[in-house]
Amino acid sequence: QEEFINLNDGELEIPINRFNSTAEQPPLLLWLPSAYGTTEQQTVTAKALTELGFEVWIVDLHIAYFADVGRNSEEQFKADDIAQLISIAAQASRNKVYVIATDAVSRPALQGIARYQQQMAKADTPMRVGGAILFEPKLSYASTEPGTPARYYPVAKNSTIPIYYIQPVLSTRQWRSQDTVNTLQAGGSQVFLRSMPGVGDGFHLLP
Protein backbone atom coordinates (compact mmCIF):
# COMPACT_ATOMS: atom_id res chain seq x y z
CA GLN A 1 0.00 0.00 0.00
CA GLU A 2 1.18 3.54 -0.72
CA GLU A 3 1.51 5.89 2.22
CA PHE A 4 2.97 9.32 2.91
CA ILE A 5 5.18 10.21 5.84
CA ASN A 6 5.30 13.84 6.91
CA LEU A 7 8.53 15.25 8.32
CA ASN A 8 9.58 18.64 9.66
CA ASP A 9 6.05 19.59 10.76
CA GLY A 10 4.63 18.73 7.35
CA GLU A 11 7.22 20.61 5.29
CA LEU A 12 8.47 17.39 3.70
CA GLU A 13 6.18 14.61 2.47
CA ILE A 14 7.88 11.31 1.68
CA PRO A 15 5.97 8.65 -0.29
CA ILE A 16 6.60 5.03 0.63
CA ASN A 17 5.32 1.74 -0.69
CA ARG A 18 4.69 -0.45 2.32
CA PHE A 19 4.72 -4.23 2.05
CA ASN A 20 3.35 -5.87 5.19
CA SER A 21 4.18 -9.35 6.38
CA THR A 22 1.88 -11.84 8.06
CA ALA A 23 4.76 -12.80 10.37
CA GLU A 24 4.49 -11.85 14.02
CA GLN A 25 6.77 -8.89 14.84
CA PRO A 26 8.65 -8.90 11.51
CA PRO A 27 11.94 -7.01 11.12
CA LEU A 28 11.45 -3.87 9.03
CA LEU A 29 13.61 -3.19 5.95
CA LEU A 30 13.76 0.53 5.14
CA TRP A 31 14.83 0.52 1.49
CA LEU A 32 16.19 3.84 0.23
CA PRO A 33 16.38 4.52 -3.53
CA SER A 34 19.59 4.47 -5.50
CA ALA A 35 20.73 7.73 -7.07
CA TYR A 36 18.75 6.59 -10.12
CA GLY A 37 15.47 6.21 -8.26
CA THR A 38 13.23 3.26 -7.43
CA THR A 39 12.53 0.38 -9.83
CA GLU A 40 9.87 -2.25 -10.44
CA GLN A 41 12.34 -4.94 -9.39
CA GLN A 42 12.28 -3.57 -5.85
CA THR A 43 8.54 -4.30 -5.74
CA VAL A 44 9.14 -7.89 -6.90
CA THR A 45 11.85 -8.36 -4.27
CA ALA A 46 9.80 -6.70 -1.53
CA LYS A 47 6.88 -9.05 -2.13
CA ALA A 48 9.25 -12.03 -1.90
CA LEU A 49 10.76 -10.70 1.31
CA THR A 50 7.33 -10.48 2.97
CA GLU A 51 7.00 -14.23 2.36
CA LEU A 52 10.26 -14.67 4.28
CA GLY A 53 8.92 -12.76 7.28
CA PHE A 54 10.05 -9.16 6.63
CA GLU A 55 8.14 -5.91 6.39
CA VAL A 56 9.50 -3.65 3.64
CA TRP A 57 9.20 0.10 3.11
CA ILE A 58 10.37 1.32 -0.30
CA VAL A 59 11.12 5.02 0.06
CA ASP A 60 10.95 7.49 -2.85
CA LEU A 61 13.21 10.35 -1.82
CA HIS A 62 13.42 11.82 -5.32
CA ILE A 63 9.72 12.67 -5.34
CA ALA A 64 9.97 14.00 -1.78
CA TYR A 65 12.79 16.40 -2.69
CA PHE A 66 11.62 17.09 -6.27
CA ALA A 67 15.03 15.79 -7.31
CA ASP A 68 15.96 14.59 -10.78
CA VAL A 69 17.15 10.98 -10.78
CA GLY A 70 20.77 10.44 -11.76
CA ARG A 71 24.31 10.74 -10.54
CA ASN A 72 24.82 13.05 -7.54
CA SER A 73 21.08 13.24 -6.77
CA GLU A 74 21.93 11.68 -3.40
CA GLU A 75 23.53 14.97 -2.37
CA GLN A 76 20.02 16.37 -1.87
CA PHE A 77 19.09 13.67 0.68
CA LYS A 78 19.47 15.09 4.18
CA ALA A 79 20.76 13.05 7.10
CA ASP A 80 18.33 14.69 9.55
CA ASP A 81 15.37 13.67 7.39
CA ILE A 82 16.63 10.09 7.07
CA ALA A 83 17.10 10.00 10.85
CA GLN A 84 13.46 11.08 11.30
CA LEU A 85 12.36 8.45 8.81
CA ILE A 86 14.26 5.77 10.75
CA SER A 87 12.68 6.95 14.00
CA ILE A 88 9.17 6.71 12.51
CA ALA A 89 9.91 3.25 11.13
CA ALA A 90 11.20 2.18 14.54
CA GLN A 91 8.02 3.40 16.22
CA ALA A 92 5.91 1.52 13.67
CA SER A 93 7.75 -1.77 14.20
CA ARG A 94 8.04 -3.99 17.24
CA ASN A 95 11.28 -5.41 15.87
CA LYS A 96 14.59 -4.05 14.55
CA VAL A 97 14.87 -1.71 11.56
CA TYR A 98 17.49 -2.37 8.88
CA VAL A 99 18.39 0.30 6.31
CA ILE A 100 19.08 -0.76 2.71
CA ALA A 101 21.07 1.53 0.42
CA THR A 102 22.86 1.31 -2.92
CA ASP A 103 25.97 2.95 -4.34
CA ALA A 104 26.39 6.63 -3.37
CA VAL A 105 23.16 6.67 -1.33
CA SER A 106 25.07 4.55 1.21
CA ARG A 107 26.67 7.78 2.42
CA PRO A 108 23.50 9.72 3.40
CA ALA A 109 22.08 6.43 4.72
CA LEU A 110 25.00 5.99 7.15
CA GLN A 111 24.86 9.69 8.02
CA GLY A 112 21.16 9.37 8.81
CA ILE A 113 21.77 6.30 10.97
CA ALA A 114 24.54 8.12 12.84
CA ARG A 115 22.25 11.10 13.44
CA TYR A 116 19.53 8.76 14.71
CA GLN A 117 22.06 7.11 17.05
CA GLN A 118 23.02 10.51 18.45
CA GLN A 119 19.38 11.42 19.04
CA MET A 120 18.64 8.15 20.81
CA ALA A 121 21.75 8.47 22.99
CA LYS A 122 20.80 12.02 23.95
CA ALA A 123 17.29 10.89 24.87
CA ASP A 124 18.67 7.82 26.67
CA THR A 125 16.41 5.65 24.49
CA PRO A 126 17.30 2.17 23.18
CA MET A 127 18.40 2.22 19.55
CA ARG A 128 16.19 0.21 17.23
CA VAL A 129 18.44 0.05 14.14
CA GLY A 130 19.86 -3.43 13.74
CA GLY A 131 22.26 -2.53 10.95
CA ALA A 132 22.59 -1.59 7.29
CA ILE A 133 22.56 -3.61 4.07
CA LEU A 134 24.73 -1.85 1.49
CA PHE A 135 24.92 -2.80 -2.18
CA GLU A 136 28.21 -1.75 -3.85
CA PRO A 137 28.60 1.21 -1.45
CA LYS A 138 30.38 4.30 -2.77
CA LEU A 139 31.80 5.92 0.34
CA SER A 140 34.88 7.66 -1.07
CA TYR A 141 35.42 11.01 -2.72
CA ALA A 142 35.89 11.04 -6.49
CA SER A 143 39.53 10.28 -7.26
CA THR A 144 41.34 12.96 -9.23
CA GLU A 145 44.08 10.65 -10.52
CA PRO A 146 43.93 6.95 -11.46
CA GLY A 147 45.72 4.69 -9.02
CA THR A 148 45.66 7.11 -6.09
CA PRO A 149 44.44 5.84 -2.69
CA ALA A 150 40.75 6.33 -1.97
CA ARG A 151 39.76 9.17 0.36
CA TYR A 152 36.71 8.20 2.38
CA TYR A 153 33.96 10.38 3.76
CA PRO A 154 34.16 10.73 7.57
CA VAL A 155 30.97 8.70 8.10
CA ALA A 156 32.68 5.64 6.59
CA LYS A 157 35.41 5.83 9.22
CA ASN A 158 33.03 6.51 12.12
CA SER A 159 30.24 3.99 11.53
CA THR A 160 29.58 1.65 14.44
CA ILE A 161 26.60 -0.42 13.25
CA PRO A 162 26.72 -3.95 11.79
CA ILE A 163 26.92 -3.79 7.98
CA TYR A 164 26.13 -6.48 5.42
CA TYR A 165 28.11 -5.42 2.36
CA ILE A 166 27.07 -6.91 -0.99
CA GLN A 167 29.56 -6.35 -3.82
CA PRO A 168 29.09 -7.45 -7.46
CA VAL A 169 32.30 -8.95 -8.83
CA LEU A 170 31.80 -7.45 -12.33
CA SER A 171 32.35 -3.93 -11.02
CA THR A 172 35.29 -1.57 -10.77
CA ARG A 173 34.40 -1.12 -7.09
CA GLN A 174 35.24 -4.77 -6.50
CA TRP A 175 38.94 -3.90 -6.48
CA ARG A 176 38.54 -1.61 -3.48
CA SER A 177 36.02 -3.71 -1.59
CA GLN A 178 38.50 -4.90 1.03
CA ASP A 179 39.77 -1.35 1.52
CA THR A 180 36.16 -0.24 2.07
CA VAL A 181 35.65 -3.05 4.58
CA ASN A 182 38.80 -2.04 6.47
CA THR A 183 37.65 1.60 6.57
CA LEU A 184 34.21 0.67 7.92
CA GLN A 185 35.74 -1.63 10.53
CA ALA A 186 38.04 1.15 11.73
CA GLY A 187 35.09 2.90 13.34
CA GLY A 188 33.83 -0.23 15.06
CA SER A 189 31.39 -1.64 12.52
CA GLN A 190 31.17 -5.38 12.19
CA VAL A 191 31.22 -5.91 8.41
CA PHE A 192 30.11 -9.00 6.50
CA LEU A 193 31.32 -8.93 2.87
CA ARG A 194 29.37 -10.95 0.31
CA SER A 195 30.88 -11.02 -3.18
CA MET A 196 28.40 -11.74 -5.97
CA PRO A 197 30.07 -13.42 -8.99
CA GLY A 198 28.64 -13.07 -12.48
CA VAL A 199 26.75 -9.81 -11.92
CA GLY A 200 27.52 -6.11 -12.24
CA ASP A 201 26.50 -2.85 -10.58
CA GLY A 202 22.79 -2.46 -9.93
CA PHE A 203 22.02 -6.14 -10.54
CA HIS A 204 19.43 -6.14 -7.74
CA LEU A 205 17.50 -3.26 -9.32
CA LEU A 206 17.23 -4.65 -12.85
CA PRO A 207 14.56 -7.02 -14.22
C-alpha atoms as a PDB file:
ATOM      1  CA  GLN A   1       0.000   0.000   0.000  1.00  0.00           C
ATOM      2  CA  GLU A   2       1.181   3.545  -0.717  1.00  0.00           C
ATOM      3  CA  GLU A   3       1.511   5.895   2.219  1.00  0.00           C
ATOM      4  CA  PHE A   4       2.965   9.318   2.906  1.00  0.00           C
ATOM      5  CA  ILE A   5       5.184  10.209   5.839  1.00  0.00           C
ATOM      6  CA  ASN A   6       5.305  13.844   6.906  1.00  0.00           C
ATOM      7  CA  LEU A   7       8.529  15.250   8.319  1.00  0.00           C
ATOM      8  CA  ASN A   8       9.577  18.642   9.657  1.00  0.00           C
ATOM      9  CA  ASP A   9       6.055  19.587  10.755  1.00  0.00           C
ATOM     10  CA  GLY A  10       4.628  18.731   7.352  1.00  0.00           C
ATOM     11  CA  GLU A  11       7.217  20.606   5.290  1.00  0.00           C
ATOM     12  CA  LEU A  12       8.468  17.387   3.702  1.00  0.00           C
ATOM     13  CA  GLU A  13       6.175  14.611   2.471  1.00  0.00           C
ATOM     14  CA  ILE A  14       7.876  11.308   1.679  1.00  0.00           C
ATOM     15  CA  PRO A  15       5.970   8.653  -0.294  1.00  0.00           C
ATOM     16  CA  ILE A  16       6.604   5.032   0.630  1.00  0.00           C
ATOM     17  CA  ASN A  17       5.324   1.737  -0.695  1.00  0.00           C
ATOM     18  CA  ARG A  18       4.693  -0.448   2.324  1.00  0.00           C
ATOM     19  CA  PHE A  19       4.719  -4.230   2.053  1.00  0.00           C
ATOM     20  CA  ASN A  20       3.347  -5.867   5.192  1.00  0.00           C
ATOM     21  CA  SER A  21       4.180  -9.348   6.382  1.00  0.00           C
ATOM     22  CA  THR A  22       1.882 -11.838   8.058  1.00  0.00           C
ATOM     23  CA  ALA A  23       4.760 -12.803  10.368  1.00  0.00           C
ATOM     24  CA  GLU A  24       4.495 -11.851  14.017  1.00  0.00           C
ATOM     25  CA  GLN A  25       6.771  -8.894  14.843  1.00  0.00           C
ATOM     26  CA  PRO A  26       8.651  -8.905  11.515  1.00  0.00           C
ATOM     27  CA  PRO A  27      11.941  -7.009  11.123  1.00  0.00           C
ATOM     28  CA  LEU A  28      11.447  -3.867   9.032  1.00  0.00           C
ATOM     29  CA  LEU A  29      13.610  -3.188   5.955  1.00  0.00           C
ATOM     30  CA  LEU A  30      13.758   0.531   5.140  1.00  0.00           C
ATOM     31  CA  TRP A  31      14.828   0.521   1.487  1.00  0.00           C
ATOM     32  CA  LEU A  32      16.186   3.839   0.227  1.00  0.00           C
ATOM     33  CA  PRO A  33      16.376   4.519  -3.529  1.00  0.00           C
ATOM     34  CA  SER A  34      19.594   4.472  -5.498  1.00  0.00           C
ATOM     35  CA  ALA A  35      20.734   7.732  -7.074  1.00  0.00           C
ATOM     36  CA  TYR A  36      18.746   6.585 -10.121  1.00  0.00           C
ATOM     37  CA  GLY A  37      15.466   6.206  -8.259  1.00  0.00           C
ATOM     38  CA  THR A  38      13.233   3.258  -7.430  1.00  0.00           C
ATOM     39  CA  THR A  39      12.532   0.379  -9.833  1.00  0.00           C
ATOM     40  CA  GLU A  40       9.869  -2.252 -10.441  1.00  0.00           C
ATOM     41  CA  GLN A  41      12.338  -4.945  -9.394  1.00  0.00           C
ATOM     42  CA  GLN A  42      12.278  -3.568  -5.852  1.00  0.00           C
ATOM     43  CA  THR A  43       8.544  -4.299  -5.736  1.00  0.00           C
ATOM     44  CA  VAL A  44       9.142  -7.885  -6.897  1.00  0.00           C
ATOM     45  CA  THR A  45      11.847  -8.355  -4.267  1.00  0.00           C
ATOM     46  CA  ALA A  46       9.804  -6.697  -1.526  1.00  0.00           C
ATOM     47  CA  LYS A  47       6.881  -9.053  -2.125  1.00  0.00           C
ATOM     48  CA  ALA A  48       9.245 -12.033  -1.903  1.00  0.00           C
ATOM     49  CA  LEU A  49      10.755 -10.696   1.314  1.00  0.00           C
ATOM     50  CA  THR A  50       7.334 -10.482   2.970  1.00  0.00           C
ATOM     51  CA  GLU A  51       6.998 -14.226   2.365  1.00  0.00           C
ATOM     52  CA  LEU A  52      10.262 -14.674   4.281  1.00  0.00           C
ATOM     53  CA  GLY A  53       8.921 -12.756   7.276  1.00  0.00           C
ATOM     54  CA  PHE A  54      10.053  -9.161   6.630  1.00  0.00           C
ATOM     55  CA  GLU A  55       8.144  -5.911   6.386  1.00  0.00           C
ATOM     56  CA  VAL A  56       9.502  -3.649   3.640  1.00  0.00           C
ATOM     57  CA  TRP A  57       9.196   0.100   3.112  1.00  0.00           C
ATOM     58  CA  ILE A  58      10.373   1.325  -0.299  1.00  0.00           C
ATOM     59  CA  VAL A  59      11.116   5.022   0.056  1.00  0.00           C
ATOM     60  CA  ASP A  60      10.953   7.491  -2.852  1.00  0.00           C
ATOM     61  CA  LEU A  61      13.209  10.347  -1.816  1.00  0.00           C
ATOM     62  CA  HIS A  62      13.424  11.817  -5.315  1.00  0.00           C
ATOM     63  CA  ILE A  63       9.725  12.671  -5.339  1.00  0.00           C
ATOM     64  CA  ALA A  64       9.973  13.996  -1.777  1.00  0.00           C
ATOM     65  CA  TYR A  65      12.786  16.405  -2.694  1.00  0.00           C
ATOM     66  CA  PHE A  66      11.617  17.091  -6.265  1.00  0.00           C
ATOM     67  CA  ALA A  67      15.033  15.787  -7.307  1.00  0.00           C
ATOM     68  CA  ASP A  68      15.958  14.587 -10.782  1.00  0.00           C
ATOM     69  CA  VAL A  69      17.152  10.981 -10.781  1.00  0.00           C
ATOM     70  CA  GLY A  70      20.765  10.436 -11.756  1.00  0.00           C
ATOM     71  CA  ARG A  71      24.310  10.743 -10.536  1.00  0.00           C
ATOM     72  CA  ASN A  72      24.816  13.053  -7.538  1.00  0.00           C
ATOM     73  CA  SER A  73      21.084  13.238  -6.775  1.00  0.00           C
ATOM     74  CA  GLU A  74      21.927  11.676  -3.398  1.00  0.00           C
ATOM     75  CA  GLU A  75      23.531  14.969  -2.373  1.00  0.00           C
ATOM     76  CA  GLN A  76      20.025  16.367  -1.865  1.00  0.00           C
ATOM     77  CA  PHE A  77      19.086  13.666   0.681  1.00  0.00           C
ATOM     78  CA  LYS A  78      19.466  15.088   4.175  1.00  0.00           C
ATOM     79  CA  ALA A  79      20.764  13.054   7.102  1.00  0.00           C
ATOM     80  CA  ASP A  80      18.327  14.688   9.553  1.00  0.00           C
ATOM     81  CA  ASP A  81      15.368  13.667   7.390  1.00  0.00           C
ATOM     82  CA  ILE A  82      16.626  10.092   7.071  1.00  0.00           C
ATOM     83  CA  ALA A  83      17.102  10.001  10.848  1.00  0.00           C
ATOM     84  CA  GLN A  84      13.461  11.082  11.304  1.00  0.00           C
ATOM     85  CA  LEU A  85      12.363   8.445   8.811  1.00  0.00           C
ATOM     86  CA  ILE A  86      14.258   5.771  10.748  1.00  0.00           C
ATOM     87  CA  SER A  87      12.675   6.949  13.997  1.00  0.00           C
ATOM     88  CA  ILE A  88       9.167   6.709  12.506  1.00  0.00           C
ATOM     89  CA  ALA A  89       9.912   3.247  11.126  1.00  0.00           C
ATOM     90  CA  ALA A  90      11.203   2.185  14.540  1.00  0.00           C
ATOM     91  CA  GLN A  91       8.022   3.397  16.223  1.00  0.00           C
ATOM     92  CA  ALA A  92       5.907   1.522  13.675  1.00  0.00           C
ATOM     93  CA  SER A  93       7.753  -1.767  14.199  1.00  0.00           C
ATOM     94  CA  ARG A  94       8.043  -3.985  17.237  1.00  0.00           C
ATOM     95  CA  ASN A  95      11.284  -5.408  15.868  1.00  0.00           C
ATOM     96  CA  LYS A  96      14.591  -4.050  14.553  1.00  0.00           C
ATOM     97  CA  VAL A  97      14.873  -1.707  11.563  1.00  0.00           C
ATOM     98  CA  TYR A  98      17.493  -2.368   8.876  1.00  0.00           C
ATOM     99  CA  VAL A  99      18.387   0.299   6.313  1.00  0.00           C
ATOM    100  CA  ILE A 100      19.082  -0.764   2.706  1.00  0.00           C
ATOM    101  CA  ALA A 101      21.067   1.533   0.423  1.00  0.00           C
ATOM    102  CA  THR A 102      22.864   1.312  -2.917  1.00  0.00           C
ATOM    103  CA  ASP A 103      25.970   2.949  -4.338  1.00  0.00           C
ATOM    104  CA  ALA A 104      26.387   6.631  -3.370  1.00  0.00           C
ATOM    105  CA  VAL A 105      23.160   6.672  -1.327  1.00  0.00           C
ATOM    106  CA  SER A 106      25.070   4.555   1.213  1.00  0.00           C
ATOM    107  CA  ARG A 107      26.666   7.784   2.420  1.00  0.00           C
ATOM    108  CA  PRO A 108      23.495   9.716   3.399  1.00  0.00           C
ATOM    109  CA  ALA A 109      22.084   6.427   4.718  1.00  0.00           C
ATOM    110  CA  LEU A 110      25.000   5.991   7.149  1.00  0.00           C
ATOM    111  CA  GLN A 111      24.861   9.690   8.022  1.00  0.00           C
ATOM    112  CA  GLY A 112      21.159   9.369   8.809  1.00  0.00           C
ATOM    113  CA  ILE A 113      21.769   6.296  10.970  1.00  0.00           C
ATOM    114  CA  ALA A 114      24.542   8.120  12.839  1.00  0.00           C
ATOM    115  CA  ARG A 115      22.255  11.097  13.439  1.00  0.00           C
ATOM    116  CA  TYR A 116      19.531   8.756  14.708  1.00  0.00           C
ATOM    117  CA  GLN A 117      22.061   7.113  17.052  1.00  0.00           C
ATOM    118  CA  GLN A 118      23.020  10.509  18.447  1.00  0.00           C
ATOM    119  CA  GLN A 119      19.380  11.418  19.039  1.00  0.00           C
ATOM    120  CA  MET A 120      18.642   8.146  20.812  1.00  0.00           C
ATOM    121  CA  ALA A 121      21.747   8.468  22.990  1.00  0.00           C
ATOM    122  CA  LYS A 122      20.804  12.023  23.949  1.00  0.00           C
ATOM    123  CA  ALA A 123      17.292  10.895  24.874  1.00  0.00           C
ATOM    124  CA  ASP A 124      18.674   7.819  26.667  1.00  0.00           C
ATOM    125  CA  THR A 125      16.412   5.655  24.487  1.00  0.00           C
ATOM    126  CA  PRO A 126      17.303   2.173  23.176  1.00  0.00           C
ATOM    127  CA  MET A 127      18.395   2.221  19.545  1.00  0.00           C
ATOM    128  CA  ARG A 128      16.189   0.206  17.227  1.00  0.00           C
ATOM    129  CA  VAL A 129      18.438   0.055  14.138  1.00  0.00           C
ATOM    130  CA  GLY A 130      19.858  -3.434  13.741  1.00  0.00           C
ATOM    131  CA  GLY A 131      22.263  -2.533  10.950  1.00  0.00           C
ATOM    132  CA  ALA A 132      22.589  -1.593   7.293  1.00  0.00           C
ATOM    133  CA  ILE A 133      22.555  -3.614   4.071  1.00  0.00           C
ATOM    134  CA  LEU A 134      24.725  -1.853   1.493  1.00  0.00           C
ATOM    135  CA  PHE A 135      24.915  -2.799  -2.184  1.00  0.00           C
ATOM    136  CA  GLU A 136      28.208  -1.748  -3.847  1.00  0.00           C
ATOM    137  CA  PRO A 137      28.601   1.213  -1.451  1.00  0.00           C
ATOM    138  CA  LYS A 138      30.376   4.301  -2.773  1.00  0.00           C
ATOM    139  CA  LEU A 139      31.798   5.924   0.337  1.00  0.00           C
ATOM    140  CA  SER A 140      34.883   7.661  -1.069  1.00  0.00           C
ATOM    141  CA  TYR A 141      35.419  11.010  -2.721  1.00  0.00           C
ATOM    142  CA  ALA A 142      35.894  11.043  -6.490  1.00  0.00           C
ATOM    143  CA  SER A 143      39.528  10.280  -7.260  1.00  0.00           C
ATOM    144  CA  THR A 144      41.345  12.958  -9.234  1.00  0.00           C
ATOM    145  CA  GLU A 145      44.083  10.648 -10.518  1.00  0.00           C
ATOM    146  CA  PRO A 146      43.928   6.953 -11.458  1.00  0.00           C
ATOM    147  CA  GLY A 147      45.716   4.689  -9.018  1.00  0.00           C
ATOM    148  CA  THR A 148      45.656   7.114  -6.092  1.00  0.00           C
ATOM    149  CA  PRO A 149      44.444   5.845  -2.688  1.00  0.00           C
ATOM    150  CA  ALA A 150      40.755   6.332  -1.970  1.00  0.00           C
ATOM    151  CA  ARG A 151      39.761   9.169   0.358  1.00  0.00           C
ATOM    152  CA  TYR A 152      36.706   8.200   2.379  1.00  0.00           C
ATOM    153  CA  TYR A 153      33.962  10.384   3.764  1.00  0.00           C
ATOM    154  CA  PRO A 154      34.163  10.731   7.568  1.00  0.00           C
ATOM    155  CA  VAL A 155      30.973   8.705   8.102  1.00  0.00           C
ATOM    156  CA  ALA A 156      32.681   5.638   6.592  1.00  0.00           C
ATOM    157  CA  LYS A 157      35.407   5.830   9.220  1.00  0.00           C
ATOM    158  CA  ASN A 158      33.031   6.510  12.118  1.00  0.00           C
ATOM    159  CA  SER A 159      30.242   3.989  11.527  1.00  0.00           C
ATOM    160  CA  THR A 160      29.583   1.647  14.439  1.00  0.00           C
ATOM    161  CA  ILE A 161      26.602  -0.420  13.251  1.00  0.00           C
ATOM    162  CA  PRO A 162      26.717  -3.947  11.786  1.00  0.00           C
ATOM    163  CA  ILE A 163      26.919  -3.793   7.981  1.00  0.00           C
ATOM    164  CA  TYR A 164      26.132  -6.481   5.420  1.00  0.00           C
ATOM    165  CA  TYR A 165      28.110  -5.416   2.357  1.00  0.00           C
ATOM    166  CA  ILE A 166      27.070  -6.915  -0.995  1.00  0.00           C
ATOM    167  CA  GLN A 167      29.562  -6.352  -3.819  1.00  0.00           C
ATOM    168  CA  PRO A 168      29.092  -7.450  -7.460  1.00  0.00           C
ATOM    169  CA  VAL A 169      32.299  -8.950  -8.830  1.00  0.00           C
ATOM    170  CA  LEU A 170      31.800  -7.449 -12.328  1.00  0.00           C
ATOM    171  CA  SER A 171      32.346  -3.933 -11.016  1.00  0.00           C
ATOM    172  CA  THR A 172      35.292  -1.566 -10.766  1.00  0.00           C
ATOM    173  CA  ARG A 173      34.405  -1.119  -7.087  1.00  0.00           C
ATOM    174  CA  GLN A 174      35.245  -4.770  -6.502  1.00  0.00           C
ATOM    175  CA  TRP A 175      38.942  -3.899  -6.483  1.00  0.00           C
ATOM    176  CA  ARG A 176      38.541  -1.609  -3.483  1.00  0.00           C
ATOM    177  CA  SER A 177      36.024  -3.711  -1.592  1.00  0.00           C
ATOM    178  CA  GLN A 178      38.500  -4.897   1.034  1.00  0.00           C
ATOM    179  CA  ASP A 179      39.766  -1.348   1.519  1.00  0.00           C
ATOM    180  CA  THR A 180      36.164  -0.240   2.065  1.00  0.00           C
ATOM    181  CA  VAL A 181      35.652  -3.051   4.579  1.00  0.00           C
ATOM    182  CA  ASN A 182      38.802  -2.037   6.472  1.00  0.00           C
ATOM    183  CA  THR A 183      37.653   1.596   6.570  1.00  0.00           C
ATOM    184  CA  LEU A 184      34.210   0.674   7.923  1.00  0.00           C
ATOM    185  CA  GLN A 185      35.741  -1.627  10.526  1.00  0.00           C
ATOM    186  CA  ALA A 186      38.039   1.151  11.732  1.00  0.00           C
ATOM    187  CA  GLY A 187      35.094   2.903  13.344  1.00  0.00           C
ATOM    188  CA  GLY A 188      33.832  -0.227  15.058  1.00  0.00           C
ATOM    189  CA  SER A 189      31.388  -1.641  12.521  1.00  0.00           C
ATOM    190  CA  GLN A 190      31.171  -5.378  12.192  1.00  0.00           C
ATOM    191  CA  VAL A 191      31.221  -5.906   8.410  1.00  0.00           C
ATOM    192  CA  PHE A 192      30.109  -9.001   6.496  1.00  0.00           C
ATOM    193  CA  LEU A 193      31.318  -8.934   2.875  1.00  0.00           C
ATOM    194  CA  ARG A 194      29.366 -10.945   0.312  1.00  0.00           C
ATOM    195  CA  SER A 195      30.883 -11.015  -3.180  1.00  0.00           C
ATOM    196  CA  MET A 196      28.398 -11.743  -5.967  1.00  0.00           C
ATOM    197  CA  PRO A 197      30.072 -13.416  -8.995  1.00  0.00           C
ATOM    198  CA  GLY A 198      28.638 -13.069 -12.478  1.00  0.00           C
ATOM    199  CA  VAL A 199      26.746  -9.810 -11.916  1.00  0.00           C
ATOM    200  CA  GLY A 200      27.519  -6.107 -12.238  1.00  0.00           C
ATOM    201  CA  ASP A 201      26.495  -2.848 -10.580  1.00  0.00           C
ATOM    202  CA  GLY A 202      22.786  -2.458  -9.934  1.00  0.00           C
ATOM    203  CA  PHE A 203      22.017  -6.138 -10.540  1.00  0.00           C
ATOM    204  CA  HIS A 204      19.429  -6.144  -7.742  1.00  0.00           C
ATOM    205  CA  LEU A 205      17.496  -3.259  -9.322  1.00  0.00           C
ATOM    206  CA  LEU A 206      17.231  -4.647 -12.850  1.00  0.00           C
ATOM    207  CA  PRO A 207      14.555  -7.024 -14.224  1.00  0.00           C
END
